[in-house]
Protein backbone atom coordinates (compact mmCIF):
# COMPACT_ATOMS: atom_id res chain seq x y z
CA UNK A 1 -40.79 42.32 62.05
CA UNK A 2 -38.45 45.25 62.65
CA UNK A 3 -38.92 48.67 61.10
CA UNK A 4 -35.81 48.44 58.96
CA UNK A 5 -36.72 45.03 57.54
CA UNK A 6 -39.97 46.65 56.37
CA UNK A 7 -37.72 49.17 54.65
CA UNK A 8 -35.96 46.37 52.79
CA UNK A 9 -39.24 44.82 51.77
CA UNK A 10 -40.56 48.08 50.39
CA UNK A 11 -37.28 48.81 48.66
CA UNK A 12 -37.49 45.47 46.89
CA UNK A 13 -40.82 46.43 45.37
CA UNK A 14 -39.79 49.98 44.49
CA UNK A 15 -36.25 49.34 43.32
CA UNK A 16 -36.25 45.78 42.09
CA UNK A 17 -34.07 46.36 38.99
CA UNK A 18 -30.98 44.33 38.19
CA UNK A 19 -27.69 45.85 36.99
CA UNK A 20 -27.27 44.05 33.68
CA UNK A 21 -27.74 44.43 29.93
CA UNK A 22 -31.18 42.85 30.34
CA UNK A 23 -32.22 44.92 33.36
CA UNK A 24 -35.89 45.25 32.44
CA UNK A 25 -36.38 41.52 31.88
CA UNK A 26 -34.61 40.24 34.96
CA UNK A 27 -36.05 42.99 37.17
CA UNK A 28 -39.50 41.70 36.30
CA UNK A 29 -38.46 38.15 37.24
CA UNK A 30 -37.07 39.21 40.64
CA UNK A 31 -39.86 41.69 41.43
CA UNK A 32 -40.83 41.32 45.07
CA UNK A 33 -38.36 38.50 45.76
CA UNK A 34 -34.93 40.15 45.75
CA UNK A 35 -33.26 43.53 46.18
CA UNK A 36 -30.76 43.93 43.35
CA UNK A 37 -30.86 47.66 42.61
CA UNK A 38 -27.21 48.86 42.66
CA UNK A 39 -27.98 52.39 43.85
CA UNK A 40 -30.07 51.17 46.78
CA UNK A 41 -27.49 48.57 47.77
CA UNK A 42 -24.75 51.21 47.62
CA UNK A 43 -26.73 53.53 49.88
CA UNK A 44 -27.55 50.77 52.36
CA UNK A 45 -23.93 49.63 52.46
CA UNK A 46 -22.34 53.07 52.71
CA UNK A 47 -24.78 54.23 55.37
CA UNK A 48 -23.61 51.26 57.51
CA UNK A 49 -27.30 50.43 58.10
CA UNK A 50 -26.89 46.86 56.90
CA UNK A 51 -23.22 46.18 57.48
CA UNK A 52 -22.39 42.90 59.20
CA UNK A 53 -20.96 44.74 62.17
CA UNK A 54 -24.12 46.85 62.60
CA UNK A 55 -26.38 43.82 62.42
CA UNK A 56 -24.37 41.75 64.86
CA UNK A 57 -23.23 44.55 67.14
CA UNK A 58 -25.73 47.43 66.87
CA UNK A 59 -24.25 49.31 69.81
CA UNK A 60 -20.98 49.81 67.92
CA UNK A 61 -20.25 53.44 67.04
CA UNK A 62 -18.75 53.19 63.59
CA UNK A 63 -16.65 55.82 61.85
CA UNK A 64 -16.80 53.73 58.71
CA UNK A 65 -17.14 50.18 57.40
CA UNK A 66 -15.36 47.47 59.36
CA UNK A 67 -12.43 45.92 57.51
CA UNK A 68 -11.79 42.18 57.74
CA UNK A 69 -8.69 42.54 59.92
CA UNK A 70 -10.98 43.93 62.63
CA UNK A 71 -14.25 42.20 61.82
CA UNK A 72 -13.35 38.70 62.96
CA UNK A 73 -11.47 39.96 66.02
CA UNK A 74 -13.99 42.56 67.23
CA UNK A 75 -17.17 40.54 66.67
CA UNK A 76 -17.06 37.58 69.09
CA UNK A 77 -19.97 35.90 67.29
CA UNK A 78 -17.64 35.28 64.33
CA UNK A 79 -14.68 33.87 66.29
CA UNK A 80 -15.25 30.19 65.27
CA UNK A 81 -15.27 30.96 61.55
CA UNK A 82 -11.57 31.65 60.68
CA UNK A 83 -10.17 28.51 62.38
CA UNK A 84 -12.87 26.36 60.77
CA UNK A 85 -12.01 27.75 57.33
CA UNK A 86 -8.27 27.28 57.98
CA UNK A 87 -8.86 23.64 58.92
CA UNK A 88 -10.79 23.04 55.67
CA UNK A 89 -7.99 24.64 53.65
CA UNK A 90 -5.41 22.43 55.35
CA UNK A 91 -7.45 19.32 54.55
CA UNK A 92 -7.98 20.48 50.96
CA UNK A 93 -4.26 21.10 50.41
CA UNK A 94 -3.33 17.72 51.87
CA UNK A 95 -5.83 15.93 49.61
CA UNK A 96 -4.64 17.80 46.53
CA UNK A 97 -0.99 17.03 47.18
CA UNK A 98 -1.83 13.35 47.68
CA UNK A 99 -3.82 13.25 44.43
CA UNK A 100 -1.40 15.31 42.31
CA UNK A 101 2.05 14.98 43.96
CA UNK A 102 3.73 16.46 40.89
CA UNK A 103 1.91 19.81 41.11
CA UNK A 104 2.60 22.72 43.41
CA UNK A 105 -0.25 24.44 45.23
CA UNK A 106 -0.29 27.74 47.09
CA UNK A 107 -1.41 31.38 47.17
CA UNK A 108 0.38 33.75 44.83
CA UNK A 109 2.16 33.49 41.49
CA UNK A 110 4.47 30.62 40.66
CA UNK A 111 2.22 27.75 41.78
CA UNK A 112 0.60 25.23 39.43
CA UNK A 113 -2.64 25.54 41.41
CA UNK A 114 -3.61 28.99 42.71
CA UNK A 115 -5.18 29.03 46.17
CA UNK A 116 -7.48 31.70 47.54
CA UNK A 117 -5.23 33.97 49.60
CA UNK A 118 -6.48 33.73 53.17
CA UNK A 119 -4.51 36.89 53.98
CA UNK A 120 -7.52 38.69 52.48
CA UNK A 121 -9.49 37.69 55.58
CA UNK A 122 -6.99 39.48 57.82
CA UNK A 123 -6.35 42.56 55.74
CA UNK A 124 -7.03 46.26 56.46
CA UNK A 125 -7.69 46.70 52.73
CA UNK A 126 -10.61 44.26 52.42
CA UNK A 127 -14.18 44.20 53.68
CA UNK A 128 -17.50 42.53 52.92
CA UNK A 129 -19.85 44.79 50.92
CA UNK A 130 -23.61 44.35 50.61
CA UNK A 131 -24.23 42.74 47.20
CA UNK A 132 -27.89 41.73 47.39
CA UNK A 133 -30.85 40.85 49.61
CA UNK A 134 -32.95 37.81 48.79
CA UNK A 135 -36.37 36.78 50.11
CA UNK A 136 -36.51 33.02 50.80
CA UNK A 137 -39.98 32.62 52.26
CA UNK A 138 -40.17 29.64 49.89
CA UNK A 139 -38.16 27.87 52.61
CA UNK A 140 -40.85 28.28 55.27
CA UNK A 141 -41.37 24.50 55.21
CA UNK A 142 -38.08 24.23 57.17
CA UNK A 143 -39.40 26.31 60.10
CA UNK A 144 -42.95 27.50 59.61
CA UNK A 145 -43.17 29.87 62.55
CA UNK A 146 -40.31 31.99 61.17
CA UNK A 147 -42.01 32.24 57.72
CA UNK A 148 -38.80 31.31 55.95
CA UNK A 149 -35.68 33.40 55.60
CA UNK A 150 -34.20 36.69 54.44
CA UNK A 151 -30.64 36.45 53.14
CA UNK A 152 -28.25 39.39 53.12
CA UNK A 153 -25.46 38.57 50.68
CA UNK A 154 -22.04 40.17 51.17
CA UNK A 155 -19.16 40.01 48.69
CA UNK A 156 -15.53 40.29 49.76
CA UNK A 157 -13.80 43.24 48.08
CA UNK A 158 -10.29 44.70 48.21
CA UNK A 159 -9.90 48.47 48.18
CA UNK A 160 -6.75 50.07 46.75
CA UNK A 161 -5.92 53.75 47.17
CA UNK A 162 -5.71 55.84 44.03
CA UNK A 163 -3.33 58.79 43.54
CA UNK A 164 -6.23 61.22 43.82
CA UNK A 165 -6.98 59.96 47.31
CA UNK A 166 -10.03 57.96 46.27
CA UNK A 167 -10.34 54.21 46.25
CA UNK A 168 -10.99 51.59 43.61
CA UNK A 169 -12.32 48.17 44.50
CA UNK A 170 -11.71 44.64 43.25
CA UNK A 171 -14.31 41.97 43.98
CA UNK A 172 -12.80 38.78 45.37
CA UNK A 173 -14.25 35.26 44.91
CA UNK A 174 -15.97 34.89 48.26
CA UNK A 175 -19.50 35.55 49.49
CA UNK A 176 -20.84 35.54 53.02
CA UNK A 177 -24.60 35.20 53.53
CA UNK A 178 -26.14 36.39 56.76
CA UNK A 179 -29.35 34.34 56.96
CA UNK A 180 -32.10 35.74 59.17
CA UNK A 181 -35.57 34.54 59.98
CA UNK A 182 -38.23 36.33 57.97
CA UNK A 183 -40.04 37.27 61.17
CA UNK A 184 -39.78 37.11 64.93
CA UNK A 185 -43.07 35.47 66.07
CA UNK A 186 -42.89 37.44 69.32
CA UNK A 187 -43.14 40.80 67.56
CA UNK A 188 -46.31 42.79 66.94
CA UNK A 189 -47.20 45.62 64.59
CA UNK A 190 -48.03 49.20 65.58
CA UNK A 191 -51.55 48.13 66.55
CA UNK A 192 -50.32 45.33 68.78
CA UNK A 193 -51.36 42.59 66.36
CA UNK A 194 -48.99 39.68 65.60
CA UNK A 195 -46.86 40.04 62.47
CA UNK A 196 -48.01 37.08 60.39
CA UNK A 197 -46.45 35.44 57.35
CA UNK A 198 -49.17 37.14 55.29
CA UNK A 199 -48.04 40.55 56.54
CA UNK A 200 -44.40 39.83 55.77
CA UNK A 201 -45.25 38.62 52.25
CA UNK A 202 -47.46 41.62 51.50
CA UNK A 203 -44.66 43.99 52.50
CA UNK A 204 -42.39 42.39 49.93
CA UNK A 205 -45.04 42.42 47.21
CA UNK A 206 -46.52 45.84 48.00
CA UNK A 207 -45.62 48.96 46.03
CA UNK A 208 -46.23 51.37 48.91
CA UNK A 209 -44.15 54.50 49.44
CA UNK A 210 -41.45 53.57 51.96
CA UNK A 211 -38.60 55.61 50.46
CA UNK A 212 -38.38 58.00 53.39
CA UNK A 213 -37.51 55.14 55.75
CA UNK A 214 -34.42 53.90 53.88
CA UNK A 215 -31.31 54.11 56.01
CA UNK A 216 -32.90 53.51 59.43
CA UNK A 217 -31.05 51.27 61.88
CA UNK A 218 -31.80 47.59 62.00
CA UNK A 219 -31.07 45.58 65.14
CA UNK A 220 -32.37 42.02 64.67
CA UNK A 221 -31.39 40.56 68.04
CA UNK A 222 -30.70 36.88 68.72
CA UNK A 223 -34.24 35.81 67.83
CA UNK A 224 -33.80 36.80 64.17
CA UNK A 225 -30.33 35.36 63.55
CA UNK A 226 -30.19 31.91 61.97
CA UNK A 227 -26.83 31.18 60.33
CA UNK A 228 -23.91 32.36 58.20
CA UNK A 229 -23.05 30.68 54.90
CA UNK A 230 -19.65 31.05 53.24
CA UNK A 231 -18.69 30.26 49.65
CA UNK A 232 -15.00 30.62 48.69
CA UNK A 233 -13.30 29.86 45.39
CA UNK A 234 -10.66 27.81 47.15
CA UNK A 235 -8.48 27.15 44.07
CA UNK A 236 -8.07 27.53 40.33
CA UNK A 237 -6.15 24.87 38.39
CA UNK A 238 -5.35 25.48 34.70
CA UNK A 239 -5.59 22.58 32.25
CA UNK A 240 -2.59 20.27 32.53
CA UNK A 241 -1.49 16.81 31.47
CA UNK A 242 -3.11 15.47 34.64
CA UNK A 243 -6.53 17.19 34.54
CA UNK A 244 -8.81 19.62 32.73
CA UNK A 245 -9.30 23.21 33.86
CA UNK A 246 -10.94 23.18 37.27
CA UNK A 247 -12.10 25.66 39.85
CA UNK A 248 -13.09 24.44 43.32
CA UNK A 249 -15.47 26.19 45.72
CA UNK A 250 -15.59 25.55 49.46
CA UNK A 251 -19.03 25.75 51.11
CA UNK A 252 -19.45 26.05 54.89
CA UNK A 253 -22.37 26.81 57.22
CA UNK A 254 -22.26 28.28 60.74
CA UNK A 255 -25.46 28.06 62.78
CA UNK A 256 -26.14 30.76 65.37
CA UNK A 257 -26.19 29.42 68.92
CA UNK A 258 -28.24 31.71 71.17
CA UNK A 259 -26.60 30.18 74.28
CA UNK A 260 -22.96 30.72 73.30
CA UNK A 261 -23.92 33.74 71.15
CA UNK A 262 -21.62 32.53 68.41
CA UNK A 263 -21.93 31.09 64.93
CA UNK A 264 -20.90 27.46 65.34
CA UNK A 265 -19.87 25.06 62.57
CA UNK A 266 -22.87 23.02 61.38
CA UNK A 267 -23.88 20.42 58.81
CA UNK A 268 -24.87 21.64 55.35
CA UNK A 269 -28.55 21.04 54.63
CA UNK A 270 -29.01 17.88 52.53
CA UNK A 271 -25.28 17.70 51.68
CA UNK A 272 -24.95 13.92 51.79
CA UNK A 273 -21.55 12.75 53.02
CA UNK A 274 -20.97 10.40 50.11
CA UNK A 275 -17.61 8.95 51.09
CA UNK A 276 -18.63 8.31 54.71
CA UNK A 277 -21.90 6.63 53.66
CA UNK A 278 -20.18 4.44 51.06
CA UNK A 279 -17.56 3.36 53.60
CA UNK A 280 -20.08 2.27 56.27
CA UNK A 281 -22.42 -0.64 55.41
CA UNK A 282 -24.82 0.12 58.26
CA UNK A 283 -25.00 3.81 57.36
CA UNK A 284 -25.50 2.86 53.72
CA UNK A 285 -28.50 0.67 54.58
CA UNK A 286 -29.96 3.27 56.94
CA UNK A 287 -29.76 5.98 54.29
CA UNK A 288 -31.33 3.78 51.62
CA UNK A 289 -34.19 2.70 53.85
CA UNK A 290 -34.83 6.22 55.14
CA UNK A 291 -34.91 7.92 51.75
CA UNK A 292 -37.00 5.25 50.00
CA UNK A 293 -39.73 5.29 52.66
CA UNK A 294 -42.88 6.58 50.88
CA UNK A 295 -43.29 9.77 52.94
CA UNK A 296 -39.62 10.72 52.58
CA UNK A 297 -39.61 9.80 48.89
CA UNK A 298 -42.55 12.15 48.33
CA UNK A 299 -40.68 15.02 50.01
CA UNK A 300 -37.56 14.10 48.04
CA UNK A 301 -39.60 14.33 44.83
CA UNK A 302 -41.01 17.74 45.85
CA UNK A 303 -37.57 19.09 46.80
CA UNK A 304 -38.64 19.70 50.40
CA UNK A 305 -36.91 16.74 52.04
CA UNK A 306 -34.73 17.40 55.11
CA UNK A 307 -32.18 14.61 55.35
CA UNK A 308 -31.13 13.71 58.95
CA UNK A 309 -27.84 15.19 60.11
CA UNK A 310 -26.18 11.79 60.64
CA UNK A 311 -25.97 11.41 56.84
CA UNK A 312 -24.59 14.92 56.19
CA UNK A 313 -21.23 16.66 55.86
CA UNK A 314 -20.06 19.87 57.54
CA UNK A 315 -18.23 21.08 54.44
CA UNK A 316 -18.15 20.37 50.75
CA UNK A 317 -15.92 21.26 47.86
CA UNK A 318 -17.77 22.01 44.62
CA UNK A 319 -15.70 21.26 41.50
CA UNK A 320 -16.62 23.23 38.37
CA UNK A 321 -17.21 22.64 35.59
CA UNK A 322 -18.69 19.24 36.49
CA UNK A 323 -20.41 18.46 33.19
CA UNK A 324 -23.54 16.40 32.58
CA UNK A 325 -21.90 12.98 32.41
CA UNK A 326 -21.87 11.02 35.67
CA UNK A 327 -18.45 11.38 37.30
CA UNK A 328 -16.78 11.61 40.70
CA UNK A 329 -17.10 15.40 40.42
CA UNK A 330 -20.81 15.04 41.22
CA UNK A 331 -21.86 14.60 44.87
CA UNK A 332 -23.90 11.39 44.49
CA UNK A 333 -21.47 9.53 42.21
CA UNK A 334 -21.04 5.93 43.33
CA UNK A 335 -24.38 5.74 45.13
CA UNK A 336 -26.36 4.55 42.09
CA UNK A 337 -26.05 1.21 40.33
CA UNK A 338 -23.50 1.28 37.53
CA UNK A 339 -21.48 4.20 38.89
CA UNK A 340 -17.93 3.98 40.19
CA UNK A 341 -17.50 0.27 39.42
CA UNK A 342 -14.01 -1.03 40.08
CA UNK A 343 -13.19 1.69 42.61
CA UNK A 344 -13.38 -0.58 45.63
CA UNK A 345 -16.47 1.07 47.04
CA UNK A 346 -18.59 -2.05 47.26
CA UNK A 347 -22.23 -2.21 46.29
CA UNK A 348 -24.16 0.95 45.40
CA UNK A 349 -26.51 2.45 47.96
CA UNK A 350 -29.43 2.35 45.51
CA UNK A 351 -29.94 -0.34 42.90
CA UNK A 352 -32.29 0.19 39.97
CA UNK A 353 -34.66 -2.36 41.51
CA UNK A 354 -34.61 -0.42 44.81
CA UNK A 355 -35.76 2.77 43.08
CA UNK A 356 -38.31 1.13 40.80
CA UNK A 357 -39.76 -0.81 43.75
CA UNK A 358 -39.98 2.35 45.89
CA UNK A 359 -41.76 4.25 43.11
CA UNK A 360 -44.29 1.42 42.74
CA UNK A 361 -44.85 1.31 46.50
CA UNK A 362 -45.38 5.09 46.62
CA UNK A 363 -47.87 4.89 43.74
CA UNK A 364 -49.77 2.10 45.50
CA UNK A 365 -50.13 4.41 48.50
CA UNK A 366 -51.50 7.20 46.35
CA UNK A 367 -48.34 9.33 46.27
CA UNK A 368 -48.34 11.44 43.09
CA UNK A 369 -44.73 11.88 42.00
CA UNK A 370 -44.22 15.25 40.28
CA UNK A 371 -40.59 15.01 39.20
CA UNK A 372 -39.10 11.59 39.92
CA UNK A 373 -40.72 9.03 37.63
CA UNK A 374 -37.66 6.93 36.76
CA UNK A 375 -34.24 5.84 37.99
CA UNK A 376 -32.64 8.71 36.03
CA UNK A 377 -34.97 11.19 37.73
CA UNK A 378 -34.06 9.78 41.15
CA UNK A 379 -30.36 10.07 40.33
CA UNK A 380 -30.72 13.70 39.16
CA UNK A 381 -32.62 14.66 42.31
CA UNK A 382 -30.00 12.93 44.46
CA UNK A 383 -27.45 15.31 42.95
CA UNK A 384 -29.37 18.58 42.90
CA UNK A 385 -30.87 18.22 46.39
CA UNK A 386 -27.33 18.71 47.75
CA UNK A 387 -25.60 22.06 48.12
CA UNK A 388 -22.76 20.96 45.83
CA UNK A 389 -25.02 19.51 43.12
CA UNK A 390 -27.21 22.61 43.07
CA UNK A 391 -24.20 24.94 42.79
CA UNK A 392 -22.93 22.89 39.86
CA UNK A 393 -26.20 23.33 37.97
CA UNK A 394 -26.73 26.40 35.80
CA UNK A 395 -24.50 28.46 38.09
CA UNK A 396 -21.92 31.18 37.56
CA UNK A 397 -18.84 29.20 38.46
CA UNK A 398 -19.63 27.95 41.93
CA UNK A 399 -22.08 30.74 42.75
CA UNK A 400 -25.81 31.23 42.20
CA UNK A 401 -25.77 34.78 43.53
CA UNK A 402 -22.35 36.46 43.07
CA UNK A 403 -24.21 39.67 43.82
CA UNK A 404 -24.60 43.12 42.33
CA UNK A 405 -21.34 44.89 41.47
CA UNK A 406 -22.04 48.52 42.37
CA UNK A 407 -18.35 49.20 43.10
CA UNK A 408 -17.08 49.35 39.52
CA UNK A 409 -16.23 52.71 37.97
CA UNK A 410 -17.29 51.49 34.52
CA UNK A 411 -19.59 48.76 33.20
CA UNK A 412 -16.62 47.04 31.56
CA UNK A 413 -15.27 46.31 35.03
CA UNK A 414 -18.48 44.95 36.46
CA UNK A 415 -20.32 41.65 36.37
CA UNK A 416 -23.11 41.78 33.81
CA UNK A 417 -25.70 39.89 35.88
CA UNK A 418 -25.95 39.46 39.65
CA UNK A 419 -27.22 35.88 39.59
CA UNK A 420 -27.32 32.62 37.66
CA UNK A 421 -29.93 31.24 35.23
CA UNK A 422 -31.09 28.86 37.97
CA UNK A 423 -31.68 31.82 40.32
CA UNK A 424 -33.75 33.79 37.82
CA UNK A 425 -35.62 30.74 36.59
CA UNK A 426 -36.73 30.04 40.17
CA UNK A 427 -38.09 33.53 40.93
CA UNK A 428 -41.62 32.86 39.62
CA UNK A 429 -41.98 29.88 41.96
CA UNK A 430 -40.77 31.99 44.87
CA UNK A 431 -43.15 34.83 44.02
CA UNK A 432 -46.06 32.38 43.75
CA UNK A 433 -45.28 31.33 47.32
CA UNK A 434 -45.20 34.96 48.51
CA UNK A 435 -48.54 35.56 46.77
CA UNK A 436 -50.09 32.54 48.49
CA UNK A 437 -48.80 33.71 51.87
CA UNK A 438 -50.13 37.22 51.25
CA UNK A 439 -53.58 35.79 50.51
CA UNK A 440 -53.55 33.68 53.66
CA UNK A 441 -53.30 30.41 51.72
CA UNK A 442 -51.06 27.38 52.23
CA UNK A 443 -48.24 27.70 49.64
CA UNK A 444 -47.06 24.93 47.35
CA UNK A 445 -43.40 24.66 48.38
CA UNK A 446 -42.49 22.05 45.76
CA UNK A 447 -39.74 22.72 43.25
CA UNK A 448 -38.53 21.07 40.08
CA UNK A 449 -35.04 20.02 39.19
CA UNK A 450 -32.29 22.66 39.36
CA UNK A 451 -31.85 22.33 35.57
CA UNK A 452 -35.40 23.26 34.71
CA UNK A 453 -38.10 25.51 36.29
CA UNK A 454 -41.48 24.03 37.09
CA UNK A 455 -44.42 24.36 34.72
CA UNK A 456 -45.86 27.11 36.95
CA UNK A 457 -43.48 29.52 35.19
CA UNK A 458 -44.04 28.18 31.67
CA UNK A 459 -45.99 31.20 30.42
CA UNK A 460 -43.68 33.93 31.66
CA UNK A 461 -40.51 31.96 30.93
CA UNK A 462 -41.58 30.50 27.57
CA UNK A 463 -38.92 30.96 24.89
CA UNK A 464 -36.22 32.04 27.33
CA UNK A 465 -32.99 30.31 28.30
CA UNK A 466 -34.62 29.44 31.62
CA UNK A 467 -37.43 27.34 30.12
CA UNK A 468 -37.27 26.24 26.47
CA UNK A 469 -35.26 28.84 24.56
CA UNK A 470 -31.68 28.92 23.31
CA UNK A 471 -29.39 27.28 25.88
CA UNK A 472 -32.22 25.77 27.96
CA UNK A 473 -31.85 22.21 29.23
CA UNK A 474 -34.02 19.72 27.35
CA UNK A 475 -34.76 16.01 27.11
CA UNK A 476 -32.94 14.21 24.33
CA UNK A 477 -35.92 11.99 23.60
CA UNK A 478 -37.43 15.04 21.83
CA UNK A 479 -34.65 14.73 19.30
CA UNK A 480 -35.57 11.13 18.53
CA UNK A 481 -32.88 9.65 20.75
CA UNK A 482 -34.81 6.59 21.85
CA UNK A 483 -37.15 5.63 24.65
CA UNK A 484 -38.72 8.55 26.46
CA UNK A 485 -37.76 8.99 30.11
CA UNK A 486 -40.85 9.86 32.13
CA UNK A 487 -38.93 12.19 34.45
CA UNK A 488 -38.06 14.59 31.63
CA UNK A 489 -40.83 14.37 29.03
CA UNK A 490 -41.87 18.00 29.62
CA UNK A 491 -38.36 19.36 28.96
CA UNK A 492 -38.97 20.57 25.42
CA UNK A 493 -37.51 23.26 23.16
CA UNK A 494 -39.36 26.19 21.64
CA UNK A 495 -40.40 26.14 18.00
CA UNK A 496 -37.39 26.45 15.71
CA UNK A 497 -34.99 24.88 18.21
CA UNK A 498 -33.83 21.32 18.62
CA UNK A 499 -32.46 19.39 21.58
CA UNK A 500 -28.85 18.38 21.00
CA UNK A 501 -26.63 16.20 23.16
CA UNK A 502 -24.40 18.11 25.59
CA UNK A 503 -22.69 15.02 27.00
CA UNK A 504 -21.94 11.51 25.85
CA UNK A 505 -24.16 9.52 28.19
CA UNK A 506 -26.57 12.10 29.60
CA UNK A 507 -30.28 12.07 28.87
CA UNK A 508 -30.21 15.87 29.01
CA UNK A 509 -29.23 18.16 26.15
CA UNK A 510 -29.38 21.85 25.22
CA UNK A 511 -31.77 23.76 22.98
CA UNK A 512 -30.10 25.01 19.78
CA UNK A 513 -31.20 26.35 16.40
CA UNK A 514 -32.04 23.52 14.04
CA UNK A 515 -29.39 22.84 11.41
CA UNK A 516 -29.75 20.94 8.17
């Protein structure tokens, strides 16, 4: 691990606060797992130590931050990204015009549907600012030797000159995540010993005094680079006679190729290509058989499944709000029995009998299912295992980490929290994994549904919106709604609250104060 990454790890422990009205509470949740202190992020960004240009081109002598008009042209690693984004926008616009021929769509005022202005990606007045750093060693199951990932989250911002010569900034609806491996297995510490996952975890959890090292240069090299992830609010459509209010988010991933030394377009992890699977009978059968195999079903239940690339998409559009009722806005819609009937899509990929039979077969083989114990549980996991389904669940619009807003002159101009309820509810699980790594133990990488944290956080999260407090997701059977569904029996509300329906046909509700 490099010297500067140790700086980040120590900074997370020392300055783990979150810029929000509930700073003390959420800082405790993200302790050791994320860097969300606005002052530290400002210093790291303004020192250029962790700018994208410094990380990808450390030899560059910078007089200041690199604006977007120069970033994509001067950093050859990023060359494939703008044309790939342009192609997705062109496809999106064509689909929208075909679906709603009576509505206009474009960037700027006067259009029925407002597009993200791609001129912001070629402007001398915009740049990506460091908005957060997140430890994802909980993803070490993907590539164990790298011990998981560290994500540097950048938010696009536009800077406008003020009369006094200063600048004010406006955050724009786009994030870019530079995802790096948590360690380079070839590196050694000062004593020549290998840097293990335990060492990396302890540096994040430790409260040692590393303040004097903040601001040092960080040059990861090819071995540490993994991928870039982009999330853009591609359009906003007000409510009309044709549709409800809707905001769409475009997700793309670019994997680093050490041979070409560029970030190349890649499939999104577990983002099932619904339309392509439904249109191909052979692919439909292959996907069903692969996912229902006992070993894969167990990983699917645990949330650690890695679906083969042939079933995946290279881009997805996340519509929000999607709601709790099954609809075409959700990524798995049409794959389960009873969904999308009459739409000419043929038989579903998974019938109820398929799922029930697979669960029985897994049980006969001694597989203990933690989350999926019913058809409804299988359906929910099929949604939230995808990028799109996860971003639709307990998110802030289409984001789970919009990032810390340290640019605002006043709190009234800033976002109140840097991350979503799903993000904060998941921090205890992530810290448990760091703790296991630090102790030299094999972590439990399993995770619950995106709607609800696992029981491992029940004590610390009890009574909060993340677990069973006001606004938490709950199982409607607790309100006497009928037969209990085994997948959700633990989704209860705290004393004094009741589970009330949030959608017409969903088994999931929200915790509210009891009313007479």
